[in-house]
Amino acid sequence: GNCKHHHTKLGDDLCSEKGNKKIKVLRFDNKRGYGLDPCPSLLREQFFEAYSDSFDLNSMDFFICSHPVANCELYIPFGRPIIIYAT
């Protein structure tokens, strides 16, 4: 998945055991990756609550989101443009 291309400030990719522990709210499934189930609207709300005070996310002018594009809806509550790169 694309989480191998996104790294934390410490250089850990988000799929690694170290990186995974830093991700709030989302759960990783080795077969399916990150998903919005069982309730996308609740997960979106929890994701926003968990990261609404994040300097990194709040300093962004826009989000670039790709695979899976369904997960791009996590960024809607932040009120910034979302560039969707459908792969």
PDB file of N, CA and C in Angstrom:
ATOM      1  N   GLY A   1       0.811  -1.191   0.000  1.00  0.00           N
ATOM      2  CA  GLY A   1       0.000   0.000   0.000  1.00  0.00           C
ATOM      3  C   GLY A   1       0.853   1.254   0.000  1.00  0.00           C
ATOM      4  N   ASN A   2       0.209   2.370  -0.170  1.00  0.00           N
ATOM      5  CA  ASN A   2       0.911   3.641  -0.234  1.00  0.00           C
ATOM      6  C   ASN A   2       1.522   4.058   1.088  1.00  0.00           C
ATOM      7  N   CYS A   3       1.091   3.445   2.179  1.00  0.00           N
ATOM      8  CA  CYS A   3       1.655   3.869   3.461  1.00  0.00           C
ATOM      9  C   CYS A   3       3.154   3.606   3.513  1.00  0.00           C
ATOM     10  N   LYS A   4       3.685   2.775   2.647  1.00  0.00           N
ATOM     11  CA  LYS A   4       5.128   2.552   2.606  1.00  0.00           C
ATOM     12  C   LYS A   4       5.861   3.773   2.052  1.00  0.00           C
ATOM     13  N   HIS A   5       5.129   4.642   1.362  1.00  0.00           N
ATOM     14  CA  HIS A   5       5.745   5.817   0.762  1.00  0.00           C
ATOM     15  C   HIS A   5       5.641   7.050   1.656  1.00  0.00           C
ATOM     16  N   HIS A   6       4.861   6.963   2.703  1.00  0.00           N
ATOM     17  CA  HIS A   6       4.687   8.091   3.605  1.00  0.00           C
ATOM     18  C   HIS A   6       5.426   7.788   4.900  1.00  0.00           C
ATOM     19  N   HIS A   7       6.299   8.677   5.282  1.00  0.00           N
ATOM     20  CA  HIS A   7       7.163   8.432   6.429  1.00  0.00           C
ATOM     21  C   HIS A   7       6.892   9.414   7.552  1.00  0.00           C
ATOM     22  N   THR A   8       7.139   8.942   8.753  1.00  0.00           N
ATOM     23  CA  THR A   8       7.041   9.807   9.917  1.00  0.00           C
ATOM     24  C   THR A   8       8.277  10.695   9.948  1.00  0.00           C
ATOM     25  N   LYS A   9       8.292  11.666  10.840  1.00  0.00           N
ATOM     26  CA  LYS A   9       9.453  12.546  10.963  1.00  0.00           C
ATOM     27  C   LYS A   9      10.707  11.775  11.361  1.00  0.00           C
ATOM     28  N   LEU A  10      10.516  10.613  11.974  1.00  0.00           N
ATOM     29  CA  LEU A  10      11.663   9.796  12.386  1.00  0.00           C
ATOM     30  C   LEU A  10      12.133   8.862  11.276  1.00  0.00           C
ATOM     31  N   GLY A  11      11.441   8.898  10.124  1.00  0.00           N
ATOM     32  CA  GLY A  11      11.861   8.080   9.000  1.00  0.00           C
ATOM     33  C   GLY A  11      11.189   6.726   8.907  1.00  0.00           C
ATOM     34  N   ASP A  12      10.311   6.381   9.865  1.00  0.00           N
ATOM     35  CA  ASP A  12       9.611   5.104   9.808  1.00  0.00           C
ATOM     36  C   ASP A  12       8.465   5.198   8.810  1.00  0.00           C
ATOM     37  N   ASP A  13       8.321   4.171   7.949  1.00  0.00           N
ATOM     38  CA  ASP A  13       7.160   4.220   7.076  1.00  0.00           C
ATOM     39  C   ASP A  13       5.930   3.844   7.903  1.00  0.00           C
ATOM     40  N   LEU A  14       4.785   4.309   7.464  1.00  0.00           N
ATOM     41  CA  LEU A  14       3.574   4.147   8.257  1.00  0.00           C
ATOM     42  C   LEU A  14       3.107   2.706   8.356  1.00  0.00           C
ATOM     43  N   CYS A  15       3.622   1.821   7.508  1.00  0.00           N
ATOM     44  CA  CYS A  15       3.234   0.411   7.587  1.00  0.00           C
ATOM     45  C   CYS A  15       4.103  -0.356   8.574  1.00  0.00           C
ATOM     46  N   SER A  16       5.230   0.215   8.945  1.00  0.00           N
ATOM     47  CA  SER A  16       6.125  -0.494   9.851  1.00  0.00           C
ATOM     48  C   SER A  16       5.497  -0.604  11.230  1.00  0.00           C
ATOM     49  N   GLU A  17       6.010  -1.492  12.010  1.00  0.00           N
ATOM     50  CA  GLU A  17       5.488  -1.658  13.371  1.00  0.00           C
ATOM     51  C   GLU A  17       5.629  -0.353  14.150  1.00  0.00           C
ATOM     52  N   LYS A  18       6.765   0.311  14.004  1.00  0.00           N
ATOM     53  CA  LYS A  18       6.973   1.579  14.714  1.00  0.00           C
ATOM     54  C   LYS A  18       6.009   2.651  14.210  1.00  0.00           C
ATOM     55  N   GLY A  19       5.872   2.768  12.892  1.00  0.00           N
ATOM     56  CA  GLY A  19       4.999   3.771  12.318  1.00  0.00           C
ATOM     57  C   GLY A  19       3.537   3.513  12.624  1.00  0.00           C
ATOM     58  N   ASN A  20       3.144   2.249  12.602  1.00  0.00           N
ATOM     59  CA  ASN A  20       1.755   1.865  12.857  1.00  0.00           C
ATOM     60  C   ASN A  20       1.301   2.272  14.246  1.00  0.00           C
ATOM     61  N   LYS A  21       2.191   2.229  15.213  1.00  0.00           N
ATOM     62  CA  LYS A  21       1.824   2.586  16.585  1.00  0.00           C
ATOM     63  C   LYS A  21       1.522   4.067  16.716  1.00  0.00           C
ATOM     64  N   LYS A  22       1.968   4.860  15.762  1.00  0.00           N
ATOM     65  CA  LYS A  22       1.770   6.296  15.822  1.00  0.00           C
ATOM     66  C   LYS A  22       0.465   6.732  15.157  1.00  0.00           C
ATOM     67  N   ILE A  23      -0.158   5.856  14.397  1.00  0.00           N
ATOM     68  CA  ILE A  23      -1.392   6.200  13.707  1.00  0.00           C
ATOM     69  C   ILE A  23      -2.555   6.031  14.671  1.00  0.00           C
ATOM     70  N   LYS A  24      -3.312   7.097  14.839  1.00  0.00           N
ATOM     71  CA  LYS A  24      -4.457   7.059  15.739  1.00  0.00           C
ATOM     72  C   LYS A  24      -5.703   6.672  14.952  1.00  0.00           C
ATOM     73  N   VAL A  25      -6.612   5.983  15.591  1.00  0.00           N
ATOM     74  CA  VAL A  25      -7.940   5.658  15.083  1.00  0.00           C
ATOM     75  C   VAL A  25      -7.945   4.545  14.039  1.00  0.00           C
ATOM     76  N   LEU A  26      -7.131   4.650  12.989  1.00  0.00           N
ATOM     77  CA  LEU A  26      -7.164   3.674  11.905  1.00  0.00           C
ATOM     78  C   LEU A  26      -6.540   2.355  12.321  1.00  0.00           C
ATOM     79  N   ARG A  27      -7.115   1.299  11.803  1.00  0.00           N
ATOM     80  CA  ARG A  27      -6.563  -0.042  12.044  1.00  0.00           C
ATOM     81  C   ARG A  27      -6.038  -0.595  10.724  1.00  0.00           C
ATOM     82  N   PHE A  28      -4.900  -1.264  10.789  1.00  0.00           N
ATOM     83  CA  PHE A  28      -4.289  -1.841   9.590  1.00  0.00           C
ATOM     84  C   PHE A  28      -4.567  -3.327   9.547  1.00  0.00           C
ATOM     85  N   ASP A  29      -5.026  -3.791   8.400  1.00  0.00           N
ATOM     86  CA  ASP A  29      -5.270  -5.214   8.157  1.00  0.00           C
ATOM     87  C   ASP A  29      -4.305  -5.633   7.055  1.00  0.00           C
ATOM     88  N   ASN A  30      -3.476  -6.642   7.306  1.00  0.00           N
ATOM     89  CA  ASN A  30      -2.462  -7.047   6.332  1.00  0.00           C
ATOM     90  C   ASN A  30      -3.053  -7.435   4.983  1.00  0.00           C
ATOM     91  N   LYS A  31      -4.295  -7.904   4.957  1.00  0.00           N
ATOM     92  CA  LYS A  31      -4.917  -8.313   3.702  1.00  0.00           C
ATOM     93  C   LYS A  31      -5.585  -7.143   2.986  1.00  0.00           C
ATOM     94  N   ARG A  32      -6.115  -6.185   3.742  1.00  0.00           N
ATOM     95  CA  ARG A  32      -6.905  -5.119   3.138  1.00  0.00           C
ATOM     96  C   ARG A  32      -6.314  -3.732   3.328  1.00  0.00           C
ATOM     97  N   GLY A  33      -5.309  -3.582   4.128  1.00  0.00           N
ATOM     98  CA  GLY A  33      -4.734  -2.271   4.402  1.00  0.00           C
ATOM     99  C   GLY A  33      -5.603  -1.497   5.379  1.00  0.00           C
ATOM    100  N   TYR A  34      -5.677  -0.192   5.201  1.00  0.00           N
ATOM    101  CA  TYR A  34      -6.499   0.650   6.057  1.00  0.00           C
ATOM    102  C   TYR A  34      -7.874   0.781   5.424  1.00  0.00           C
ATOM    103  N   GLY A  35      -8.899   0.704   6.238  1.00  0.00           N
ATOM    104  CA  GLY A  35     -10.255   0.823   5.724  1.00  0.00           C
ATOM    105  C   GLY A  35     -11.101   1.696   6.627  1.00  0.00           C
ATOM    106  N   LEU A  36     -12.288   2.028   6.158  1.00  0.00           N
ATOM    107  CA  LEU A  36     -13.200   2.884   6.897  1.00  0.00           C
ATOM    108  C   LEU A  36     -14.309   2.106   7.596  1.00  0.00           C
ATOM    109  N   ASP A  37     -14.261   0.792   7.504  1.00  0.00           N
ATOM    110  CA  ASP A  37     -15.324   0.005   8.101  1.00  0.00           C
ATOM    111  C   ASP A  37     -15.152  -0.117   9.611  1.00  0.00           C
ATOM    112  N   PRO A  38     -16.150  -0.328  10.370  1.00  0.00           N
ATOM    113  CA  PRO A  38     -17.517  -0.666   9.966  1.00  0.00           C
ATOM    114  C   PRO A  38     -18.411   0.554   9.742  1.00  0.00           C
ATOM    115  N   CYS A  39     -17.994   1.757  10.161  1.00  0.00           N
ATOM    116  CA  CYS A  39     -18.846   2.942  10.042  1.00  0.00           C
ATOM    117  C   CYS A  39     -18.006   4.140   9.588  1.00  0.00           C
ATOM    118  N   PRO A  40     -17.968   4.407   8.271  1.00  0.00           N
ATOM    119  CA  PRO A  40     -17.120   5.486   7.754  1.00  0.00           C
ATOM    120  C   PRO A  40     -17.371   6.857   8.386  1.00  0.00           C
ATOM    121  N   SER A  41     -18.614   7.224   8.623  1.00  0.00           N
ATOM    122  CA  SER A  41     -18.878   8.563   9.174  1.00  0.00           C
ATOM    123  C   SER A  41     -18.349   8.689  10.602  1.00  0.00           C
ATOM    124  N   LEU A  42     -18.478   7.634  11.391  1.00  0.00           N
ATOM    125  CA  LEU A  42     -17.947   7.661  12.757  1.00  0.00           C
ATOM    126  C   LEU A  42     -16.420   7.688  12.745  1.00  0.00           C
ATOM    127  N   LEU A  43     -15.818   6.897  11.885  1.00  0.00           N
ATOM    128  CA  LEU A  43     -14.358   6.866  11.788  1.00  0.00           C
ATOM    129  C   LEU A  43     -13.818   8.218  11.328  1.00  0.00           C
ATOM    130  N   ARG A  44     -14.506   8.847  10.364  1.00  0.00           N
ATOM    131  CA  ARG A  44     -14.099  10.174   9.891  1.00  0.00           C
ATOM    132  C   ARG A  44     -14.129  11.179  11.043  1.00  0.00           C
ATOM    133  N   GLU A  45     -15.171  11.118  11.856  1.00  0.00           N
ATOM    134  CA  GLU A  45     -15.304  12.010  13.007  1.00  0.00           C
ATOM    135  C   GLU A  45     -14.197  11.755  14.026  1.00  0.00           C
ATOM    136  N   GLN A  46     -13.920  10.482  14.313  1.00  0.00           N
ATOM    137  CA  GLN A  46     -12.871  10.123  15.275  1.00  0.00           C
ATOM    138  C   GLN A  46     -11.493  10.531  14.760  1.00  0.00           C
ATOM    139  N   PHE A  47     -11.272  10.359  13.459  1.00  0.00           N
ATOM    140  CA  PHE A  47      -9.999  10.739  12.850  1.00  0.00           C
ATOM    141  C   PHE A  47      -9.775  12.244  12.998  1.00  0.00           C
ATOM    142  N   PHE A  48     -10.822  13.028  12.723  1.00  0.00           N
ATOM    143  CA  PHE A  48     -10.704  14.475  12.854  1.00  0.00           C
ATOM    144  C   PHE A  48     -10.440  14.864  14.311  1.00  0.00           C
ATOM    145  N   GLU A  49     -11.144  14.261  15.235  1.00  0.00           N
ATOM    146  CA  GLU A  49     -10.932  14.568  16.653  1.00  0.00           C
ATOM    147  C   GLU A  49      -9.509  14.231  17.083  1.00  0.00           C
ATOM    148  N   ALA A  50      -8.986  13.116  16.586  1.00  0.00           N
ATOM    149  CA  ALA A  50      -7.640  12.678  16.968  1.00  0.00           C
ATOM    150  C   ALA A  50      -6.556  13.575  16.392  1.00  0.00           C
ATOM    151  N   TYR A  51      -6.800  14.160  15.210  1.00  0.00           N
ATOM    152  CA  TYR A  51      -5.761  14.931  14.531  1.00  0.00           C
ATOM    153  C   TYR A  51      -6.077  16.413  14.385  1.00  0.00           C
ATOM    154  N   SER A  52      -7.180  16.885  14.946  1.00  0.00           N
ATOM    155  CA  SER A  52      -7.565  18.288  14.760  1.00  0.00           C
ATOM    156  C   SER A  52      -6.550  19.255  15.376  1.00  0.00           C
ATOM    157  N   ASP A  53      -5.761  18.796  16.332  1.00  0.00           N
ATOM    158  CA  ASP A  53      -4.746  19.663  16.931  1.00  0.00           C
ATOM    159  C   ASP A  53      -3.336  19.366  16.411  1.00  0.00           C
ATOM    160  N   SER A  54      -3.250  18.574  15.349  1.00  0.00           N
ATOM    161  CA  SER A  54      -1.959  18.213  14.776  1.00  0.00           C
ATOM    162  C   SER A  54      -1.369  19.388  13.985  1.00  0.00           C
ATOM    163  N   PHE A  55      -0.182  19.810  14.385  1.00  0.00           N
ATOM    164  CA  PHE A  55       0.488  20.891  13.671  1.00  0.00           C
ATOM    165  C   PHE A  55       0.721  20.508  12.212  1.00  0.00           C
ATOM    166  N   ASP A  56       1.149  19.261  11.980  1.00  0.00           N
ATOM    167  CA  ASP A  56       1.439  18.816  10.617  1.00  0.00           C
ATOM    168  C   ASP A  56       0.209  18.925   9.719  1.00  0.00           C
ATOM    169  N   LEU A  57      -0.922  18.421  10.174  1.00  0.00           N
ATOM    170  CA  LEU A  57      -2.126  18.466   9.339  1.00  0.00           C
ATOM    171  C   LEU A  57      -2.690  19.871   9.226  1.00  0.00           C
ATOM    172  N   ASN A  58      -2.624  20.641  10.279  1.00  0.00           N
ATOM    173  CA  ASN A  58      -3.176  21.997  10.243  1.00  0.00           C
ATOM    174  C   ASN A  58      -2.313  22.978   9.458  1.00  0.00           C
ATOM    175  N   SER A  59      -1.066  22.634   9.210  1.00  0.00           N
ATOM    176  CA  SER A  59      -0.201  23.531   8.448  1.00  0.00           C
ATOM    177  C   SER A  59      -0.265  23.253   6.949  1.00  0.00           C
ATOM    178  N   MET A  60      -1.023  22.252   6.546  1.00  0.00           N
ATOM    179  CA  MET A  60      -1.132  21.917   5.125  1.00  0.00           C
ATOM    180  C   MET A  60      -2.190  22.776   4.445  1.00  0.00           C
ATOM    181  N   ASP A  61      -1.881  23.181   3.210  1.00  0.00           N
ATOM    182  CA  ASP A  61      -2.839  23.953   2.426  1.00  0.00           C
ATOM    183  C   ASP A  61      -3.832  23.049   1.714  1.00  0.00           C
ATOM    184  N   PHE A  62      -3.420  21.810   1.437  1.00  0.00           N
ATOM    185  CA  PHE A  62      -4.280  20.843   0.766  1.00  0.00           C
ATOM    186  C   PHE A  62      -3.756  19.445   1.069  1.00  0.00           C
ATOM    187  N   PHE A  63      -4.570  18.442   0.763  1.00  0.00           N
ATOM    188  CA  PHE A  63      -4.180  17.045   0.952  1.00  0.00           C
ATOM    189  C   PHE A  63      -4.099  16.369  -0.407  1.00  0.00           C
ATOM    190  N   ILE A  64      -3.124  15.504  -0.577  1.00  0.00           N
ATOM    191  CA  ILE A  64      -3.046  14.645  -1.755  1.00  0.00           C
ATOM    192  C   ILE A  64      -3.332  13.237  -1.258  1.00  0.00           C
ATOM    193  N   CYS A  65      -4.280  12.610  -1.882  1.00  0.00           N
ATOM    194  CA  CYS A  65      -4.738  11.309  -1.421  1.00  0.00           C
ATOM    195  C   CYS A  65      -4.863  10.375  -2.616  1.00  0.00           C
ATOM    196  N   SER A  66      -4.493   9.105  -2.413  1.00  0.00           N
ATOM    197  CA  SER A  66      -4.596   8.160  -3.525  1.00  0.00           C
ATOM    198  C   SER A  66      -5.280   6.875  -3.092  1.00  0.00           C
ATOM    199  N   HIS A  67      -4.576   5.797  -3.110  1.00  0.00           N
ATOM    200  CA  HIS A  67      -5.155   4.471  -2.958  1.00  0.00           C
ATOM    201  C   HIS A  67      -5.332   4.070  -1.501  1.00  0.00           C
ATOM    202  N   PRO A  68      -6.482   3.612  -1.106  1.00  0.00           N
ATOM    203  CA  PRO A  68      -7.754   3.626  -1.827  1.00  0.00           C
ATOM    204  C   PRO A  68      -8.429   4.990  -1.707  1.00  0.00           C
ATOM    205  N   VAL A  69      -9.008   5.451  -2.790  1.00  0.00           N
ATOM    206  CA  VAL A  69      -9.573   6.798  -2.809  1.00  0.00           C
ATOM    207  C   VAL A  69     -10.727   6.964  -1.821  1.00  0.00           C
ATOM    208  N   ALA A  70     -11.380   5.879  -1.454  1.00  0.00           N
ATOM    209  CA  ALA A  70     -12.471   5.968  -0.465  1.00  0.00           C
ATOM    210  C   ALA A  70     -11.969   6.541   0.855  1.00  0.00           C
ATOM    211  N   ASN A  71     -10.723   6.268   1.195  1.00  0.00           N
ATOM    212  CA  ASN A  71     -10.169   6.773   2.447  1.00  0.00           C
ATOM    213  C   ASN A  71      -9.902   8.277   2.420  1.00  0.00           C
ATOM    214  N   CYS A  72      -9.966   8.887   1.253  1.00  0.00           N
ATOM    215  CA  CYS A  72      -9.739  10.331   1.144  1.00  0.00           C
ATOM    216  C   CYS A  72     -10.789  11.111   1.922  1.00  0.00           C
ATOM    217  N   GLU A  73     -11.941  10.518   2.149  1.00  0.00           N
ATOM    218  CA  GLU A  73     -12.987  11.227   2.886  1.00  0.00           C
ATOM    219  C   GLU A  73     -12.585  11.505   4.331  1.00  0.00           C
ATOM    220  N   LEU A  74     -11.542  10.874   4.819  1.00  0.00           N
ATOM    221  CA  LEU A  74     -11.056  11.154   6.167  1.00  0.00           C
ATOM    222  C   LEU A  74     -10.630  12.613   6.314  1.00  0.00           C
ATOM    223  N   TYR A  75     -10.231  13.238   5.207  1.00  0.00           N
ATOM    224  CA  TYR A  75      -9.707  14.601   5.263  1.00  0.00           C
ATOM    225  C   TYR A  75     -10.775  15.670   5.051  1.00  0.00           C
ATOM    226  N   ILE A  76     -11.992  15.292   4.734  1.00  0.00           N
ATOM    227  CA  ILE A  76     -13.069  16.261   4.485  1.00  0.00           C
ATOM    228  C   ILE A  76     -13.269  17.212   5.672  1.00  0.00           C
ATOM    229  N   PRO A  77     -13.329  16.712   6.915  1.00  0.00           N
ATOM    230  CA  PRO A  77     -13.581  17.624   8.037  1.00  0.00           C
ATOM    231  C   PRO A  77     -12.530  18.709   8.242  1.00  0.00           C
ATOM    232  N   PHE A  78     -11.349  18.560   7.656  1.00  0.00           N
ATOM    233  CA  PHE A  78     -10.299  19.559   7.833  1.00  0.00           C
ATOM    234  C   PHE A  78     -10.563  20.812   7.006  1.00  0.00           C
ATOM    235  N   GLY A  79     -11.520  20.738   6.071  1.00  0.00           N
ATOM    236  CA  GLY A  79     -11.934  21.908   5.315  1.00  0.00           C
ATOM    237  C   GLY A  79     -10.913  22.454   4.335  1.00  0.00           C
ATOM    238  N   ARG A  80     -10.059  21.580   3.833  1.00  0.00           N
ATOM    239  CA  ARG A  80      -9.055  22.005   2.852  1.00  0.00           C
ATOM    240  C   ARG A  80      -9.269  21.229   1.555  1.00  0.00           C
ATOM    241  N   PRO A  81      -8.756  21.759   0.439  1.00  0.00           N
ATOM    242  CA  PRO A  81      -8.896  21.019  -0.815  1.00  0.00           C
ATOM    243  C   PRO A  81      -8.228  19.651  -0.721  1.00  0.00           C
ATOM    244  N   ILE A  82      -8.805  18.689  -1.435  1.00  0.00           N
ATOM    245  CA  ILE A  82      -8.244  17.337  -1.499  1.00  0.00           C
ATOM    246  C   ILE A  82      -7.989  17.015  -2.962  1.00  0.00           C
ATOM    247  N   ILE A  83      -6.745  16.733  -3.274  1.00  0.00           N
ATOM    248  CA  ILE A  83      -6.385  16.304  -4.622  1.00  0.00           C
ATOM    249  C   ILE A  83      -6.384  14.788  -4.598  1.00  0.00           C
ATOM    250  N   ILE A  84      -7.257  14.200  -5.382  1.00  0.00           N
ATOM    251  CA  ILE A  84      -7.382  12.738  -5.393  1.00  0.00           C
ATOM    252  C   ILE A  84      -6.651  12.192  -6.618  1.00  0.00           C
ATOM    253  N   TYR A  85      -5.685  11.343  -6.354  1.00  0.00           N
ATOM    254  CA  TYR A  85      -4.911  10.692  -7.407  1.00  0.00           C
ATOM    255  C   TYR A  85      -5.369   9.245  -7.456  1.00  0.00           C
ATOM    256  N   ALA A  86      -6.304   8.985  -8.359  1.00  0.00           N
ATOM    257  CA  ALA A  86      -6.874   7.631  -8.457  1.00  0.00           C
ATOM    258  C   ALA A  86      -5.907   6.741  -9.225  1.00  0.00           C
ATOM    259  N   THR A  87      -5.354   5.751  -8.528  1.00  0.00           N
ATOM    260  CA  THR A  87      -4.384   4.857  -9.141  1.00  0.00           C
ATOM    261  C   THR A  87      -5.025   3.577  -9.597  1.00  0.00           C
TER     262      THR A  87
END
